């Protein structure tokens, strides 16, 4: 999966979307529970913060969820904030 800025890979075996930048693994982890995607953790090295990497990871996860007709439960504070900033993602939220 390509972001305009970063190549984002889906690693279903590890339950995450990921990219490597300057040798650092950046990721957005998920678990599927009862047919709902729980986005549980987003991690970007402090030296890489502010470059839009976390947003690209979360965007890729949300696109994948929508394409596969999953609802999303944002368990990670970054994912919650991202979804609040992007109202078009609200239809994906699980009740």
N, C-alpha and C. Protein backbone atom coordinates (compact mmCIF):
# COMPACT_ATOMS: atom_id res chain seq x y z
N UNK A 1 0.86 -1.18 0.00
CA UNK A 1 0.00 0.00 0.00
C UNK A 1 0.90 1.24 0.00
N UNK A 2 0.59 2.18 -0.83
CA UNK A 2 1.43 3.37 -0.95
C UNK A 2 0.73 4.57 -0.33
N UNK A 3 1.45 5.30 0.45
CA UNK A 3 1.03 6.61 0.93
C UNK A 3 1.74 7.59 0.00
N UNK A 4 1.25 8.80 -0.14
CA UNK A 4 1.99 9.74 -0.98
C UNK A 4 3.44 9.93 -0.50
N UNK A 5 3.68 9.74 0.79
CA UNK A 5 5.01 9.98 1.34
C UNK A 5 5.77 8.71 1.65
N UNK A 6 5.08 7.64 2.01
CA UNK A 6 5.73 6.44 2.53
C UNK A 6 5.11 5.18 1.97
N UNK A 7 5.93 4.15 1.82
CA UNK A 7 5.41 2.83 1.46
C UNK A 7 4.96 2.16 2.74
N UNK A 8 3.67 1.86 2.84
CA UNK A 8 3.10 1.20 4.00
C UNK A 8 2.79 -0.24 3.62
N UNK A 9 3.28 -1.17 4.40
CA UNK A 9 3.03 -2.59 4.17
C UNK A 9 2.05 -3.11 5.22
N UNK A 10 1.16 -3.98 4.77
CA UNK A 10 0.25 -4.67 5.68
C UNK A 10 0.90 -5.99 6.04
N UNK A 11 1.12 -6.22 7.31
CA UNK A 11 1.72 -7.45 7.81
C UNK A 11 0.66 -8.17 8.65
N UNK A 12 -0.24 -8.92 8.01
CA UNK A 12 -1.34 -9.54 8.76
C UNK A 12 -0.85 -10.57 9.78
N UNK A 13 0.27 -11.23 9.53
CA UNK A 13 0.80 -12.19 10.50
C UNK A 13 1.16 -11.54 11.83
N UNK A 14 1.64 -10.31 11.76
CA UNK A 14 1.99 -9.56 12.96
C UNK A 14 0.84 -8.67 13.43
N UNK A 15 -0.22 -8.57 12.62
CA UNK A 15 -1.36 -7.73 12.98
C UNK A 15 -0.99 -6.25 12.99
N UNK A 16 -0.36 -5.80 11.91
CA UNK A 16 0.03 -4.39 11.89
C UNK A 16 0.25 -3.89 10.47
N UNK A 17 0.20 -2.57 10.37
CA UNK A 17 0.63 -1.83 9.19
C UNK A 17 1.97 -1.24 9.57
N UNK A 18 2.93 -1.27 8.64
CA UNK A 18 4.29 -0.90 9.02
C UNK A 18 5.05 -0.25 7.87
N UNK A 19 6.07 0.46 8.25
CA UNK A 19 7.03 1.02 7.30
C UNK A 19 8.37 1.15 8.02
N UNK A 20 9.43 1.12 7.27
CA UNK A 20 10.77 1.35 7.83
C UNK A 20 11.29 2.66 7.28
N UNK A 21 11.70 3.51 8.19
CA UNK A 21 12.25 4.81 7.81
C UNK A 21 13.57 4.98 8.57
N UNK A 22 14.62 5.27 7.85
CA UNK A 22 15.94 5.46 8.46
C UNK A 22 16.29 4.32 9.41
N UNK A 23 15.87 3.09 9.05
CA UNK A 23 16.18 1.92 9.87
C UNK A 23 15.21 1.65 11.00
N UNK A 24 14.28 2.57 11.25
CA UNK A 24 13.31 2.40 12.34
C UNK A 24 12.03 1.76 11.83
N UNK A 25 11.52 0.79 12.59
CA UNK A 25 10.21 0.21 12.29
C UNK A 25 9.14 1.10 12.90
N UNK A 26 8.24 1.58 12.07
CA UNK A 26 7.10 2.38 12.51
C UNK A 26 5.86 1.53 12.26
N UNK A 27 4.88 1.57 13.19
CA UNK A 27 3.78 0.64 13.03
C UNK A 27 2.47 1.12 13.65
N UNK A 28 1.41 0.52 13.14
CA UNK A 28 0.07 0.68 13.69
C UNK A 28 -0.45 -0.74 13.88
N UNK A 29 -0.58 -1.16 15.14
CA UNK A 29 -0.97 -2.53 15.48
C UNK A 29 -2.49 -2.65 15.60
N UNK A 30 -2.99 -3.82 15.24
CA UNK A 30 -4.43 -4.08 15.37
C UNK A 30 -4.68 -5.51 15.78
N UNK A 31 -5.89 -5.73 16.26
CA UNK A 31 -6.42 -7.06 16.52
C UNK A 31 -7.85 -7.07 16.02
N UNK A 32 -8.27 -8.19 15.49
CA UNK A 32 -9.67 -8.33 15.09
C UNK A 32 -10.37 -9.14 16.18
N UNK A 33 -11.40 -8.53 16.78
CA UNK A 33 -12.16 -9.16 17.86
C UNK A 33 -13.63 -9.12 17.47
N UNK A 34 -14.22 -10.29 17.35
CA UNK A 34 -15.65 -10.38 16.99
C UNK A 34 -15.98 -9.57 15.74
N UNK A 35 -15.10 -9.62 14.75
CA UNK A 35 -15.34 -8.94 13.48
C UNK A 35 -15.11 -7.44 13.49
N UNK A 36 -14.54 -6.92 14.58
CA UNK A 36 -14.24 -5.49 14.70
C UNK A 36 -12.73 -5.32 14.79
N UNK A 37 -12.19 -4.39 14.02
CA UNK A 37 -10.76 -4.11 14.06
C UNK A 37 -10.49 -3.14 15.22
N UNK A 38 -9.70 -3.61 16.16
CA UNK A 38 -9.27 -2.78 17.29
C UNK A 38 -7.88 -2.25 16.95
N UNK A 39 -7.78 -0.95 16.72
CA UNK A 39 -6.48 -0.32 16.47
C UNK A 39 -5.91 0.02 17.84
N UNK A 40 -4.87 -0.72 18.23
CA UNK A 40 -4.45 -0.72 19.63
C UNK A 40 -3.17 0.05 19.92
N UNK A 41 -2.35 0.30 18.92
CA UNK A 41 -1.07 0.95 19.22
C UNK A 41 -0.47 1.52 17.94
N UNK A 42 0.01 2.74 18.03
CA UNK A 42 0.74 3.36 16.93
C UNK A 42 2.09 3.79 17.48
N UNK A 43 3.15 3.45 16.76
CA UNK A 43 4.48 3.75 17.26
C UNK A 43 5.38 4.27 16.15
N UNK A 44 5.98 5.43 16.42
CA UNK A 44 6.96 6.05 15.52
C UNK A 44 8.11 6.52 16.42
N UNK A 45 9.33 6.25 16.00
CA UNK A 45 10.49 6.67 16.80
C UNK A 45 10.45 8.18 17.02
N UNK A 46 10.82 8.64 18.21
CA UNK A 46 10.80 10.08 18.50
C UNK A 46 11.57 10.92 17.47
N UNK A 47 12.65 10.38 16.94
CA UNK A 47 13.43 11.15 15.97
C UNK A 47 12.70 11.33 14.63
N UNK A 48 11.62 10.57 14.43
CA UNK A 48 10.86 10.64 13.17
C UNK A 48 9.53 11.37 13.33
N UNK A 49 9.19 11.77 14.53
CA UNK A 49 7.90 12.41 14.77
C UNK A 49 7.77 13.71 13.98
N UNK A 50 6.53 14.04 13.64
CA UNK A 50 6.24 15.28 12.93
C UNK A 50 6.36 15.17 11.42
N UNK A 51 6.56 13.98 10.90
CA UNK A 51 6.73 13.79 9.46
C UNK A 51 5.49 13.17 8.79
N UNK A 52 4.43 12.96 9.57
CA UNK A 52 3.20 12.40 9.00
C UNK A 52 3.20 10.89 8.89
N UNK A 53 4.17 10.24 9.52
CA UNK A 53 4.28 8.78 9.40
C UNK A 53 3.13 8.09 10.11
N UNK A 54 2.83 8.49 11.33
CA UNK A 54 1.73 7.87 12.08
C UNK A 54 0.42 8.06 11.34
N UNK A 55 0.20 9.25 10.79
CA UNK A 55 -1.02 9.50 10.03
C UNK A 55 -1.11 8.59 8.82
N UNK A 56 -0.01 8.38 8.13
CA UNK A 56 -0.01 7.49 6.96
C UNK A 56 -0.32 6.06 7.36
N UNK A 57 0.21 5.61 8.49
CA UNK A 57 -0.07 4.26 8.98
C UNK A 57 -1.54 4.09 9.33
N UNK A 58 -2.08 5.05 10.06
CA UNK A 58 -3.49 4.97 10.47
C UNK A 58 -4.39 5.06 9.26
N UNK A 59 -4.08 5.96 8.34
CA UNK A 59 -4.89 6.08 7.12
C UNK A 59 -4.91 4.75 6.37
N UNK A 60 -3.77 4.09 6.25
CA UNK A 60 -3.71 2.79 5.56
C UNK A 60 -4.57 1.76 6.28
N UNK A 61 -4.51 1.74 7.59
CA UNK A 61 -5.32 0.79 8.36
C UNK A 61 -6.81 1.05 8.18
N UNK A 62 -7.20 2.31 8.17
CA UNK A 62 -8.61 2.66 8.01
C UNK A 62 -9.11 2.35 6.60
N UNK A 63 -8.29 2.60 5.60
CA UNK A 63 -8.66 2.26 4.22
C UNK A 63 -8.86 0.75 4.10
N UNK A 64 -7.93 -0.01 4.66
CA UNK A 64 -8.04 -1.47 4.63
C UNK A 64 -9.32 -1.93 5.34
N UNK A 65 -9.60 -1.36 6.50
CA UNK A 65 -10.82 -1.73 7.23
C UNK A 65 -12.06 -1.44 6.39
N UNK A 66 -12.11 -0.27 5.78
CA UNK A 66 -13.27 0.10 4.96
C UNK A 66 -13.40 -0.83 3.76
N UNK A 67 -12.30 -1.12 3.09
CA UNK A 67 -12.33 -1.99 1.92
C UNK A 67 -12.78 -3.41 2.26
N UNK A 68 -12.55 -3.81 3.51
CA UNK A 68 -12.91 -5.16 3.95
C UNK A 68 -14.17 -5.17 4.81
N UNK A 69 -14.87 -4.05 4.82
CA UNK A 69 -16.15 -3.89 5.51
C UNK A 69 -16.07 -4.19 7.01
N UNK A 70 -14.96 -3.79 7.62
CA UNK A 70 -14.81 -3.90 9.06
C UNK A 70 -15.23 -2.59 9.71
N UNK A 71 -15.76 -2.68 10.90
CA UNK A 71 -15.91 -1.51 11.77
C UNK A 71 -14.62 -1.41 12.58
N UNK A 72 -14.36 -0.23 13.13
CA UNK A 72 -13.11 0.04 13.83
C UNK A 72 -13.39 0.53 15.24
N UNK A 73 -12.63 0.02 16.17
CA UNK A 73 -12.67 0.53 17.54
C UNK A 73 -11.28 1.11 17.82
N UNK A 74 -11.18 2.45 17.93
CA UNK A 74 -9.88 3.08 18.18
C UNK A 74 -9.47 2.97 19.65
N UNK A 75 -8.57 2.07 19.96
CA UNK A 75 -8.09 1.87 21.34
C UNK A 75 -6.85 2.71 21.62
N UNK A 76 -6.20 3.15 20.59
CA UNK A 76 -4.98 3.96 20.69
C UNK A 76 -5.37 5.45 20.70
N UNK A 77 -4.75 6.22 21.58
CA UNK A 77 -5.09 7.65 21.68
C UNK A 77 -4.79 8.39 20.37
N UNK A 78 -3.72 8.01 19.68
CA UNK A 78 -3.41 8.67 18.42
C UNK A 78 -4.50 8.38 17.39
N UNK A 79 -4.95 7.14 17.31
CA UNK A 79 -6.00 6.77 16.35
C UNK A 79 -7.29 7.53 16.69
N UNK A 80 -7.64 7.62 17.97
CA UNK A 80 -8.84 8.39 18.36
C UNK A 80 -8.73 9.84 17.89
N UNK A 81 -7.57 10.45 18.13
CA UNK A 81 -7.37 11.85 17.72
C UNK A 81 -7.42 11.97 16.20
N UNK A 82 -6.81 11.03 15.49
CA UNK A 82 -6.84 11.06 14.02
C UNK A 82 -8.28 11.01 13.52
N UNK A 83 -9.07 10.10 14.08
CA UNK A 83 -10.45 9.95 13.62
C UNK A 83 -11.29 11.18 13.97
N UNK A 84 -11.00 11.82 15.08
CA UNK A 84 -11.70 13.06 15.42
C UNK A 84 -11.36 14.18 14.44
N UNK A 85 -10.11 14.22 13.98
CA UNK A 85 -9.69 15.25 13.02
C UNK A 85 -10.20 14.97 11.62
N UNK A 86 -10.61 13.74 11.35
CA UNK A 86 -11.07 13.34 10.01
C UNK A 86 -12.48 12.79 10.10
N UNK A 87 -13.47 13.67 10.07
CA UNK A 87 -14.86 13.23 10.27
C UNK A 87 -15.33 12.20 9.25
N UNK A 88 -14.69 12.13 8.09
CA UNK A 88 -15.07 11.15 7.08
C UNK A 88 -14.82 9.71 7.56
N UNK A 89 -14.05 9.55 8.63
CA UNK A 89 -13.77 8.20 9.16
C UNK A 89 -14.81 7.75 10.18
N UNK A 90 -15.70 8.64 10.60
CA UNK A 90 -16.63 8.31 11.68
C UNK A 90 -17.57 7.16 11.35
N UNK A 91 -17.89 6.99 10.07
CA UNK A 91 -18.78 5.89 9.67
C UNK A 91 -18.15 4.52 9.94
N UNK A 92 -16.84 4.50 10.10
CA UNK A 92 -16.14 3.24 10.39
C UNK A 92 -16.20 2.85 11.85
N UNK A 93 -16.52 3.79 12.72
CA UNK A 93 -16.47 3.52 14.18
C UNK A 93 -17.50 2.47 14.57
N UNK A 94 -17.04 1.52 15.38
CA UNK A 94 -17.95 0.53 15.96
C UNK A 94 -18.67 1.19 17.13
N UNK A 95 -19.92 0.85 17.32
CA UNK A 95 -20.68 1.41 18.45
C UNK A 95 -20.20 0.86 19.77
